[in-house]
Amino acid sequence: MNKTMQQNQAEAQGVTITASPFRLPDATSTMEDALSKALDYCADKLNLEGPQASLEKVRQGDRMALEYCHYRLAQQVAEALGTLDDNVRSVSIYEFEATAEDRAFGDRLEALPIHLLVQVDRKTSALSSLVAALDRALVKEYTEMVGPRRLGHVLDVQVIDSSDVDSRRGLAALLYSLYNRPIRLWAR
């Protein structure tokens, strides 16, 4: 009774109609794609043969390759967060500075985790779950692609809302910093 006209015509002609199932993006496929785009971006910026060459540079710990790869990866994560959660207003990347002792003793700064500052209308557990899922997927993909490292996290996401920004509380104060202002990656 509820058959559409197309279904009736298809049955009369002996044709079956199959529609591809609609799939929401999952964290794993989103982060696979993000890492692939990051390696392409890195290869382009460093004038390398392709993503495989940039992957080798990242595996070797080349600082420029890591920075280009992680910047593009941060852009992809920012876009995913903004697309999948309507409460997200903007996503920025910020640099976590080493202490004076770290620099004096020559401790090498790790490029990971990638530090993101997410400005939202309101803080929700749904956003926290989304960030955790993306981080887990990214740890898995990064470890498989780059090599065995003991990664706990690839992302360090700090969420701030308008009350944090208005009172310049915590990392929201970085938005007004003269010397260490975050770089906006995505905005609604």
N, C-alpha and C. Protein backbone atom coordinates (compact mmCIF):
# COMPACT_ATOMS: atom_id res chain seq x y z
N MET A 1 0.80 -1.19 0.00
CA MET A 1 0.00 0.00 0.00
C MET A 1 0.85 1.27 0.00
N ASN A 2 1.97 1.21 0.67
CA ASN A 2 2.83 2.37 0.78
C ASN A 2 3.91 2.39 -0.29
N LYS A 3 3.75 1.63 -1.34
CA LYS A 3 4.76 1.58 -2.39
C LYS A 3 4.72 2.86 -3.20
N THR A 4 5.90 3.29 -3.60
CA THR A 4 5.97 4.47 -4.43
C THR A 4 5.75 4.09 -5.88
N MET A 5 5.55 5.10 -6.70
CA MET A 5 5.33 4.88 -8.12
C MET A 5 6.56 4.23 -8.77
N GLN A 6 7.75 4.66 -8.35
CA GLN A 6 8.98 4.10 -8.89
C GLN A 6 9.10 2.61 -8.55
N GLN A 7 8.72 2.24 -7.32
CA GLN A 7 8.78 0.84 -6.94
C GLN A 7 7.81 0.00 -7.77
N ASN A 8 6.62 0.53 -8.00
CA ASN A 8 5.64 -0.19 -8.81
C ASN A 8 6.14 -0.37 -10.24
N GLN A 9 6.70 0.67 -10.83
CA GLN A 9 7.22 0.57 -12.19
C GLN A 9 8.41 -0.38 -12.26
N ALA A 10 9.25 -0.35 -11.27
CA ALA A 10 10.41 -1.22 -11.26
C ALA A 10 9.99 -2.68 -11.16
N GLU A 11 9.00 -2.97 -10.30
CA GLU A 11 8.52 -4.34 -10.18
C GLU A 11 7.87 -4.81 -11.47
N ALA A 12 7.15 -3.92 -12.14
CA ALA A 12 6.50 -4.29 -13.40
C ALA A 12 7.53 -4.62 -14.47
N GLN A 13 8.68 -3.97 -14.43
CA GLN A 13 9.73 -4.21 -15.42
C GLN A 13 10.73 -5.26 -14.95
N GLY A 14 10.57 -5.77 -13.75
CA GLY A 14 11.47 -6.80 -13.24
C GLY A 14 12.82 -6.27 -12.77
N VAL A 15 12.85 -5.03 -12.40
CA VAL A 15 14.09 -4.41 -11.94
C VAL A 15 14.00 -4.18 -10.44
N THR A 16 15.11 -4.43 -9.76
CA THR A 16 15.11 -4.15 -8.32
C THR A 16 15.91 -2.87 -8.07
N ILE A 17 15.40 -2.09 -7.17
CA ILE A 17 16.06 -0.84 -6.81
C ILE A 17 16.74 -1.03 -5.46
N THR A 18 18.03 -0.73 -5.45
CA THR A 18 18.74 -0.78 -4.17
C THR A 18 19.39 0.58 -3.95
N ALA A 19 19.10 1.12 -2.82
CA ALA A 19 19.69 2.41 -2.47
C ALA A 19 20.87 2.17 -1.54
N SER A 20 21.92 2.91 -1.77
CA SER A 20 23.06 2.75 -0.87
C SER A 20 22.67 3.31 0.49
N PRO A 21 23.03 2.60 1.54
CA PRO A 21 22.64 3.06 2.87
C PRO A 21 23.37 4.35 3.23
N PHE A 22 22.64 5.24 3.87
CA PHE A 22 23.22 6.50 4.32
C PHE A 22 24.05 6.22 5.56
N ARG A 23 25.29 6.70 5.56
CA ARG A 23 26.16 6.50 6.71
C ARG A 23 26.63 7.84 7.24
N LEU A 24 26.51 8.00 8.53
CA LEU A 24 27.09 9.18 9.17
C LEU A 24 28.60 8.97 9.25
N PRO A 25 29.35 10.03 9.21
CA PRO A 25 30.81 9.86 9.30
C PRO A 25 31.18 9.34 10.68
N ASP A 26 32.03 8.32 10.70
CA ASP A 26 32.49 7.82 11.99
C ASP A 26 33.88 8.38 12.27
N ALA A 27 34.29 8.29 13.50
CA ALA A 27 35.56 8.90 13.93
C ALA A 27 36.74 8.29 13.19
N THR A 28 36.74 6.98 13.00
CA THR A 28 37.88 6.32 12.37
C THR A 28 38.07 6.77 10.93
N SER A 29 37.00 6.75 10.15
CA SER A 29 37.14 7.15 8.74
C SER A 29 37.45 8.65 8.63
N THR A 30 36.90 9.45 9.52
CA THR A 30 37.17 10.88 9.52
C THR A 30 38.64 11.15 9.80
N MET A 31 39.21 10.44 10.76
CA MET A 31 40.61 10.66 11.12
C MET A 31 41.57 10.03 10.10
N GLU A 32 41.17 8.93 9.46
CA GLU A 32 41.98 8.37 8.36
C GLU A 32 42.11 9.40 7.26
N ASP A 33 40.99 9.98 6.89
CA ASP A 33 40.98 11.00 5.85
C ASP A 33 41.79 12.23 6.26
N ALA A 34 41.65 12.64 7.51
CA ALA A 34 42.39 13.80 8.01
C ALA A 34 43.89 13.57 7.96
N LEU A 35 44.34 12.40 8.37
CA LEU A 35 45.77 12.09 8.35
C LEU A 35 46.30 12.01 6.92
N SER A 36 45.50 11.47 6.03
CA SER A 36 45.88 11.41 4.62
C SER A 36 46.04 12.81 4.03
N LYS A 37 45.08 13.69 4.32
CA LYS A 37 45.15 15.07 3.83
C LYS A 37 46.33 15.81 4.46
N ALA A 38 46.63 15.51 5.71
CA ALA A 38 47.76 16.15 6.38
C ALA A 38 49.08 15.77 5.72
N LEU A 39 49.21 14.51 5.33
CA LEU A 39 50.44 14.07 4.66
C LEU A 39 50.55 14.67 3.26
N ASP A 40 49.42 14.80 2.57
CA ASP A 40 49.41 15.46 1.26
C ASP A 40 49.84 16.92 1.39
N TYR A 41 49.31 17.60 2.38
CA TYR A 41 49.64 19.01 2.63
C TYR A 41 51.12 19.16 2.94
N CYS A 42 51.65 18.27 3.77
CA CYS A 42 53.05 18.29 4.14
C CYS A 42 53.93 18.10 2.91
N ALA A 43 53.57 17.14 2.06
CA ALA A 43 54.34 16.89 0.83
C ALA A 43 54.33 18.11 -0.07
N ASP A 44 53.18 18.76 -0.17
CA ASP A 44 53.05 19.96 -1.00
C ASP A 44 53.92 21.10 -0.46
N LYS A 45 53.87 21.32 0.84
CA LYS A 45 54.62 22.42 1.45
C LYS A 45 56.13 22.22 1.38
N LEU A 46 56.56 20.97 1.50
CA LEU A 46 57.99 20.67 1.49
C LEU A 46 58.52 20.28 0.11
N ASN A 47 57.64 20.38 -0.89
CA ASN A 47 58.01 20.01 -2.27
C ASN A 47 58.55 18.58 -2.36
N LEU A 48 57.85 17.66 -1.74
CA LEU A 48 58.23 16.26 -1.76
C LEU A 48 57.45 15.53 -2.85
N GLU A 49 57.89 14.33 -3.16
CA GLU A 49 57.29 13.52 -4.23
C GLU A 49 55.81 13.22 -3.97
N GLY A 50 55.46 12.97 -2.75
CA GLY A 50 54.08 12.64 -2.43
C GLY A 50 53.92 12.37 -0.95
N PRO A 51 52.74 11.87 -0.57
CA PRO A 51 52.46 11.64 0.85
C PRO A 51 53.38 10.59 1.48
N GLN A 52 53.84 9.63 0.69
CA GLN A 52 54.74 8.61 1.24
C GLN A 52 56.07 9.23 1.67
N ALA A 53 56.56 10.18 0.87
CA ALA A 53 57.81 10.88 1.23
C ALA A 53 57.63 11.72 2.48
N SER A 54 56.47 12.37 2.61
CA SER A 54 56.23 13.16 3.82
C SER A 54 56.06 12.25 5.03
N LEU A 55 55.48 11.06 4.83
CA LEU A 55 55.35 10.10 5.92
C LEU A 55 56.73 9.68 6.42
N GLU A 56 57.66 9.47 5.50
CA GLU A 56 59.02 9.11 5.89
C GLU A 56 59.68 10.23 6.69
N LYS A 57 59.46 11.46 6.26
CA LYS A 57 60.02 12.61 7.00
C LYS A 57 59.43 12.68 8.41
N VAL A 58 58.13 12.44 8.52
CA VAL A 58 57.48 12.46 9.83
C VAL A 58 58.04 11.34 10.70
N ARG A 59 58.19 10.16 10.12
CA ARG A 59 58.76 9.03 10.88
C ARG A 59 60.17 9.32 11.36
N GLN A 60 60.94 10.07 10.57
CA GLN A 60 62.31 10.41 10.95
C GLN A 60 62.36 11.53 11.99
N GLY A 61 61.21 12.16 12.24
CA GLY A 61 61.14 13.22 13.24
C GLY A 61 61.53 14.59 12.71
N ASP A 62 61.48 14.77 11.38
CA ASP A 62 61.79 16.06 10.78
C ASP A 62 60.83 17.11 11.33
N ARG A 63 61.37 18.15 11.96
CA ARG A 63 60.56 19.15 12.66
C ARG A 63 59.58 19.87 11.73
N MET A 64 60.05 20.28 10.54
CA MET A 64 59.17 20.99 9.61
C MET A 64 58.04 20.09 9.12
N ALA A 65 58.38 18.85 8.81
CA ALA A 65 57.36 17.90 8.35
C ALA A 65 56.31 17.67 9.43
N LEU A 66 56.77 17.52 10.66
CA LEU A 66 55.83 17.33 11.78
C LEU A 66 54.93 18.55 11.94
N GLU A 67 55.51 19.73 11.86
CA GLU A 67 54.70 20.94 12.05
C GLU A 67 53.66 21.11 10.95
N TYR A 68 54.05 20.91 9.69
CA TYR A 68 53.09 21.01 8.59
C TYR A 68 52.01 19.95 8.71
N CYS A 69 52.41 18.74 9.01
CA CYS A 69 51.45 17.64 9.14
C CYS A 69 50.47 17.90 10.28
N HIS A 70 50.99 18.31 11.42
CA HIS A 70 50.13 18.53 12.57
C HIS A 70 49.22 19.75 12.41
N TYR A 71 49.71 20.77 11.71
CA TYR A 71 48.87 21.94 11.47
C TYR A 71 47.66 21.56 10.60
N ARG A 72 47.91 20.82 9.53
CA ARG A 72 46.81 20.41 8.65
C ARG A 72 45.88 19.44 9.36
N LEU A 73 46.45 18.58 10.18
CA LEU A 73 45.65 17.66 10.96
C LEU A 73 44.75 18.43 11.92
N ALA A 74 45.29 19.46 12.53
CA ALA A 74 44.49 20.31 13.43
C ALA A 74 43.35 20.98 12.67
N GLN A 75 43.62 21.43 11.44
CA GLN A 75 42.56 22.03 10.62
C GLN A 75 41.45 21.03 10.34
N GLN A 76 41.82 19.80 10.04
CA GLN A 76 40.83 18.77 9.74
C GLN A 76 40.00 18.42 10.98
N VAL A 77 40.66 18.33 12.12
CA VAL A 77 39.94 18.04 13.37
C VAL A 77 39.00 19.20 13.70
N ALA A 78 39.47 20.43 13.51
CA ALA A 78 38.63 21.61 13.77
C ALA A 78 37.39 21.60 12.90
N GLU A 79 37.57 21.27 11.63
CA GLU A 79 36.43 21.20 10.71
C GLU A 79 35.46 20.10 11.13
N ALA A 80 35.99 18.95 11.55
CA ALA A 80 35.13 17.85 11.99
C ALA A 80 34.35 18.25 13.24
N LEU A 81 35.00 18.89 14.20
CA LEU A 81 34.31 19.31 15.41
C LEU A 81 33.21 20.31 15.09
N GLY A 82 33.51 21.28 14.23
CA GLY A 82 32.52 22.29 13.86
C GLY A 82 31.35 21.72 13.08
N THR A 83 31.64 20.75 12.24
CA THR A 83 30.59 20.15 11.42
C THR A 83 29.68 19.24 12.25
N LEU A 84 30.27 18.50 13.17
CA LEU A 84 29.51 17.50 13.91
C LEU A 84 28.85 18.01 15.18
N ASP A 85 29.22 19.20 15.65
CA ASP A 85 28.60 19.75 16.86
C ASP A 85 28.19 21.21 16.61
N ASP A 86 26.90 21.47 16.68
CA ASP A 86 26.37 22.81 16.41
C ASP A 86 26.72 23.83 17.49
N ASN A 87 27.15 23.39 18.67
CA ASN A 87 27.52 24.30 19.75
C ASN A 87 28.89 24.93 19.55
N VAL A 88 29.68 24.37 18.66
CA VAL A 88 31.04 24.87 18.44
C VAL A 88 30.98 26.17 17.66
N ARG A 89 31.59 27.23 18.21
CA ARG A 89 31.62 28.53 17.54
C ARG A 89 32.92 28.74 16.78
N SER A 90 34.04 28.31 17.37
CA SER A 90 35.33 28.42 16.70
C SER A 90 36.31 27.42 17.29
N VAL A 91 37.33 27.12 16.50
CA VAL A 91 38.40 26.23 16.95
C VAL A 91 39.71 26.90 16.58
N SER A 92 40.62 26.98 17.55
CA SER A 92 41.93 27.60 17.34
C SER A 92 43.01 26.64 17.82
N ILE A 93 44.19 26.83 17.28
CA ILE A 93 45.36 26.06 17.72
C ILE A 93 46.25 27.02 18.48
N TYR A 94 46.83 26.54 19.56
CA TYR A 94 47.74 27.38 20.32
C TYR A 94 49.01 26.59 20.61
N GLU A 95 50.08 27.31 20.84
CA GLU A 95 51.36 26.70 21.13
C GLU A 95 51.53 26.59 22.62
N PHE A 96 51.93 25.43 23.04
CA PHE A 96 52.21 25.21 24.44
C PHE A 96 53.69 25.43 24.64
N GLU A 97 54.06 26.46 25.35
CA GLU A 97 55.46 26.84 25.50
C GLU A 97 56.17 25.96 26.52
N ALA A 98 57.41 25.66 26.21
CA ALA A 98 58.25 24.93 27.15
C ALA A 98 58.68 25.87 28.27
N THR A 99 59.03 25.30 29.38
CA THR A 99 59.54 26.11 30.47
C THR A 99 60.97 26.53 30.16
N ALA A 100 61.45 27.51 30.88
CA ALA A 100 62.83 27.98 30.68
C ALA A 100 63.83 26.86 30.96
N GLU A 101 63.54 26.00 31.94
CA GLU A 101 64.44 24.89 32.26
C GLU A 101 64.51 23.89 31.11
N ASP A 102 63.37 23.62 30.47
CA ASP A 102 63.36 22.69 29.34
C ASP A 102 64.26 23.20 28.23
N ARG A 103 64.16 24.48 27.93
CA ARG A 103 64.98 25.06 26.87
C ARG A 103 66.45 25.10 27.26
N ALA A 104 66.73 25.41 28.53
CA ALA A 104 68.11 25.51 28.99
C ALA A 104 68.82 24.16 28.96
N PHE A 105 68.11 23.11 29.32
CA PHE A 105 68.72 21.79 29.34
C PHE A 105 68.58 21.05 28.02
N GLY A 106 68.00 21.72 27.03
CA GLY A 106 67.92 21.15 25.69
C GLY A 106 66.92 20.02 25.54
N ASP A 107 65.96 19.93 26.44
CA ASP A 107 64.94 18.91 26.27
C ASP A 107 64.17 19.18 24.99
N ARG A 108 64.07 18.15 24.18
CA ARG A 108 63.38 18.30 22.90
C ARG A 108 61.88 18.42 23.13
N LEU A 109 61.29 19.42 22.53
CA LEU A 109 59.85 19.59 22.64
C LEU A 109 59.16 18.58 21.74
N GLU A 110 58.19 17.91 22.28
CA GLU A 110 57.40 16.98 21.47
C GLU A 110 56.35 17.77 20.70
N ALA A 111 56.11 17.33 19.48
CA ALA A 111 55.12 18.00 18.65
C ALA A 111 53.70 17.58 19.05
N LEU A 112 53.61 16.50 19.79
CA LEU A 112 52.30 16.03 20.23
C LEU A 112 52.17 16.25 21.72
N PRO A 113 51.03 16.47 22.21
CA PRO A 113 49.75 16.54 21.54
C PRO A 113 49.55 17.87 20.82
N ILE A 114 48.56 17.87 19.95
CA ILE A 114 48.16 19.08 19.24
C ILE A 114 47.18 19.81 20.15
N HIS A 115 47.48 21.05 20.48
CA HIS A 115 46.68 21.82 21.44
C HIS A 115 45.62 22.64 20.71
N LEU A 116 44.35 22.33 20.99
CA LEU A 116 43.23 23.05 20.38
C LEU A 116 42.40 23.74 21.45
N LEU A 117 41.95 24.93 21.12
CA LEU A 117 41.08 25.71 21.99
C LEU A 117 39.73 25.82 21.28
N VAL A 118 38.70 25.22 21.85
CA VAL A 118 37.39 25.16 21.23
C VAL A 118 36.44 26.08 21.98
N GLN A 119 35.93 27.09 21.28
CA GLN A 119 34.97 28.02 21.88
C GLN A 119 33.57 27.55 21.53
N VAL A 120 32.73 27.38 22.54
CA VAL A 120 31.39 26.82 22.35
C VAL A 120 30.33 27.74 22.95
N ASP A 121 29.09 27.53 22.52
CA ASP A 121 27.96 28.23 23.13
C ASP A 121 27.77 27.75 24.56
N ARG A 122 27.84 26.42 24.71
CA ARG A 122 27.75 25.83 26.05
C ARG A 122 28.52 24.52 26.05
N LYS A 123 29.09 24.20 27.19
CA LYS A 123 29.87 22.97 27.33
C LYS A 123 28.91 21.80 27.49
N THR A 124 29.13 20.75 26.71
CA THR A 124 28.25 19.58 26.77
C THR A 124 29.09 18.30 26.86
N SER A 125 28.46 17.27 27.40
CA SER A 125 29.14 15.98 27.45
C SER A 125 29.21 15.35 26.06
N ALA A 126 28.31 15.75 25.17
CA ALA A 126 28.34 15.24 23.79
C ALA A 126 29.63 15.68 23.09
N LEU A 127 30.03 16.92 23.30
CA LEU A 127 31.28 17.41 22.71
C LEU A 127 32.47 16.67 23.32
N SER A 128 32.45 16.46 24.61
CA SER A 128 33.54 15.71 25.26
C SER A 128 33.65 14.30 24.69
N SER A 129 32.51 13.67 24.45
CA SER A 129 32.50 12.32 23.86
C SER A 129 33.02 12.34 22.44
N LEU A 130 32.63 13.36 21.68
CA LEU A 130 33.10 13.49 20.31
C LEU A 130 34.61 13.68 20.27
N VAL A 131 35.13 14.54 21.12
CA VAL A 131 36.58 14.77 21.18
C VAL A 131 37.30 13.49 21.56
N ALA A 132 36.77 12.77 22.54
CA ALA A 132 37.41 11.51 22.97
C ALA A 132 37.42 10.48 21.84
N ALA A 133 36.32 10.40 21.09
CA ALA A 133 36.25 9.45 19.98
C ALA A 133 37.24 9.82 18.88
N LEU A 134 37.32 11.11 18.53
CA LEU A 134 38.27 11.54 17.51
C LEU A 134 39.71 11.31 17.97
N ASP A 135 39.98 11.57 19.23
CA ASP A 135 41.33 11.37 19.76
C ASP A 135 41.71 9.89 19.72
N ARG A 136 40.80 9.01 20.16
CA ARG A 136 41.08 7.56 20.14
C ARG A 136 41.36 7.09 18.71
N ALA A 137 40.53 7.54 17.77
CA ALA A 137 40.72 7.15 16.38
C ALA A 137 42.03 7.68 15.83
N LEU A 138 42.38 8.90 16.21
CA LEU A 138 43.61 9.51 15.73
C LEU A 138 44.84 8.83 16.33
N VAL A 139 44.79 8.44 17.59
CA VAL A 139 45.89 7.71 18.22
C VAL A 139 46.11 6.40 17.47
N LYS A 140 45.02 5.70 17.17
CA LYS A 140 45.11 4.42 16.45
C LYS A 140 45.71 4.62 15.06
N GLU A 141 45.17 5.56 14.30
CA GLU A 141 45.65 5.79 12.93
C GLU A 141 47.09 6.31 12.92
N TYR A 142 47.40 7.22 13.82
CA TYR A 142 48.73 7.81 13.88
C TYR A 142 49.76 6.73 14.22
N THR A 143 49.44 5.87 15.18
CA THR A 143 50.35 4.79 15.57
C THR A 143 50.56 3.82 14.42
N GLU A 144 49.49 3.46 13.73
CA GLU A 144 49.61 2.53 12.60
C GLU A 144 50.42 3.14 11.46
N MET A 145 50.22 4.41 11.20
CA MET A 145 50.86 5.04 10.06
C MET A 145 52.30 5.46 10.35
N VAL A 146 52.52 6.12 11.46
CA VAL A 146 53.82 6.69 11.77
C VAL A 146 54.75 5.67 12.41
N GLY A 147 54.21 4.80 13.18
CA GLY A 147 55.05 3.79 13.81
C GLY A 147 54.73 3.64 15.27
N PRO A 148 55.27 2.59 15.85
CA PRO A 148 54.96 2.31 17.26
C PRO A 148 55.57 3.35 18.19
N ARG A 149 54.71 4.11 18.79
CA ARG A 149 55.08 5.06 19.84
C ARG A 149 54.04 4.91 20.92
N ARG A 150 54.42 5.19 22.09
CA ARG A 150 53.46 5.10 23.19
C ARG A 150 52.70 6.41 23.26
N LEU A 151 51.65 6.48 22.51
CA LEU A 151 50.84 7.69 22.50
C LEU A 151 49.64 7.51 23.41
N GLY A 152 49.49 8.42 24.32
CA GLY A 152 48.28 8.44 25.13
C GLY A 152 47.21 9.25 24.43
N HIS A 153 47.64 10.38 23.86
CA HIS A 153 46.73 11.28 23.17
C HIS A 153 47.45 11.97 22.03
N VAL A 154 46.71 12.29 21.00
CA VAL A 154 47.23 13.12 19.92
C VAL A 154 46.66 14.52 20.07
N LEU A 155 45.47 14.61 20.64
CA LEU A 155 44.78 15.89 20.80
C LEU A 155 44.71 16.31 22.26
N ASP A 156 44.95 17.59 22.49
CA ASP A 156 44.69 18.21 23.78
C ASP A 156 43.67 19.30 23.50
N VAL A 157 42.42 19.02 23.78
CA VAL A 157 41.34 19.95 23.45
C VAL A 157 40.83 20.59 24.73
N GLN A 158 40.90 21.92 24.77
CA GLN A 158 40.39 22.69 25.89
C GLN A 158 39.14 23.42 25.42
N VAL A 159 38.05 23.26 26.14
CA VAL A 159 36.77 23.85 25.76
C VAL A 159 36.49 25.06 26.63
N ILE A 160 36.14 26.18 25.98
CA ILE A 160 35.81 27.40 26.70
C ILE A 160 34.45 27.89 26.21
N ASP A 161 33.73 28.56 27.09
CA ASP A 161 32.45 29.14 26.70
C ASP A 161 32.51 30.66 26.87
N SER A 162 31.39 31.33 26.62
CA SER A 162 31.38 32.79 26.65
C SER A 162 31.70 33.36 28.03
N SER A 163 31.31 32.66 29.10
CA SER A 163 31.63 33.17 30.44
C SER A 163 33.14 33.13 30.68
N ASP A 164 33.81 32.08 30.16
CA ASP A 164 35.27 32.01 30.27
C ASP A 164 35.93 33.15 29.50
N VAL A 165 35.41 33.42 28.30
CA VAL A 165 35.97 34.47 27.45
C VAL A 165 35.75 35.84 28.08
N ASP A 166 34.51 36.08 28.55
CA ASP A 166 34.20 37.38 29.14
C ASP A 166 35.04 37.68 30.37
N SER A 167 35.29 36.66 31.20
CA SER A 167 36.09 36.87 32.41
C SER A 167 37.57 36.59 32.19
N ARG A 168 37.93 36.23 30.95
CA ARG A 168 39.32 35.91 30.59
C ARG A 168 39.91 34.88 31.55
N ARG A 169 39.12 33.85 31.80
CA ARG A 169 39.46 32.81 32.76
C ARG A 169 40.17 31.65 32.05
N GLY A 170 41.23 31.15 32.65
CA GLY A 170 41.94 29.99 32.14
C GLY A 170 42.55 30.26 30.77
N LEU A 171 42.44 29.28 29.89
CA LEU A 171 43.02 29.42 28.56
C LEU A 171 42.26 30.41 27.68
N ALA A 172 41.08 30.83 28.10
CA ALA A 172 40.34 31.85 27.34
C ALA A 172 41.12 33.16 27.31
N ALA A 173 41.99 33.36 28.29
CA ALA A 173 42.83 34.57 28.32
C ALA A 173 43.77 34.63 27.12
N LEU A 174 44.09 33.48 26.53
CA LEU A 174 44.95 33.46 25.34
C LEU A 174 44.34 34.24 24.17
N LEU A 175 43.02 34.32 24.12
CA LEU A 175 42.36 35.04 23.03
C LEU A 175 42.73 36.52 23.02
N TYR A 176 43.16 37.04 24.17
CA TYR A 176 43.53 38.44 24.29
C TYR A 176 45.05 38.63 24.42
N SER A 177 45.79 37.56 24.27
CA SER A 177 47.24 37.63 24.45
C SER A 177 47.91 38.42 23.34
N LEU A 178 48.87 39.22 23.71
CA LEU A 178 49.64 39.97 22.72
C LEU A 178 50.75 39.13 22.12
N TYR A 179 51.26 38.15 22.87
CA TYR A 179 52.44 37.42 22.46
C TYR A 179 52.19 35.97 22.05
N ASN A 180 51.12 35.38 22.51
CA ASN A 180 50.89 33.96 22.23
C ASN A 180 49.43 33.72 21.85
N ARG A 181 48.92 34.52 20.95
CA ARG A 181 47.53 34.42 20.53
C ARG A 181 47.31 33.16 19.70
N PRO A 182 46.23 32.43 19.95
CA PRO A 182 45.94 31.23 19.16
C PRO A 182 45.62 31.58 17.71
N ILE A 183 45.83 30.63 16.84
CA ILE A 183 45.53 30.80 15.41
C ILE A 183 44.18 30.15 15.15
N ARG A 184 43.24 30.93 14.64
CA ARG A 184 41.91 30.41 14.36
C ARG A 184 41.95 29.49 13.15
N LEU A 185 41.45 28.27 13.34
CA LEU A 185 41.44 27.27 12.26
C LEU A 185 40.07 27.16 11.61
N TRP A 186 39.02 27.36 12.41
CA TRP A 186 37.66 27.18 11.91
C TRP A 186 36.74 28.07 12.73
N ALA A 187 35.75 28.64 12.07
CA ALA A 187 34.74 29.45 12.78
C ALA A 187 33.40 29.30 12.09
N ARG A 188 32.36 29.39 12.88
CA ARG A 188 31.00 29.30 12.34
C ARG A 188 30.58 30.66 11.83
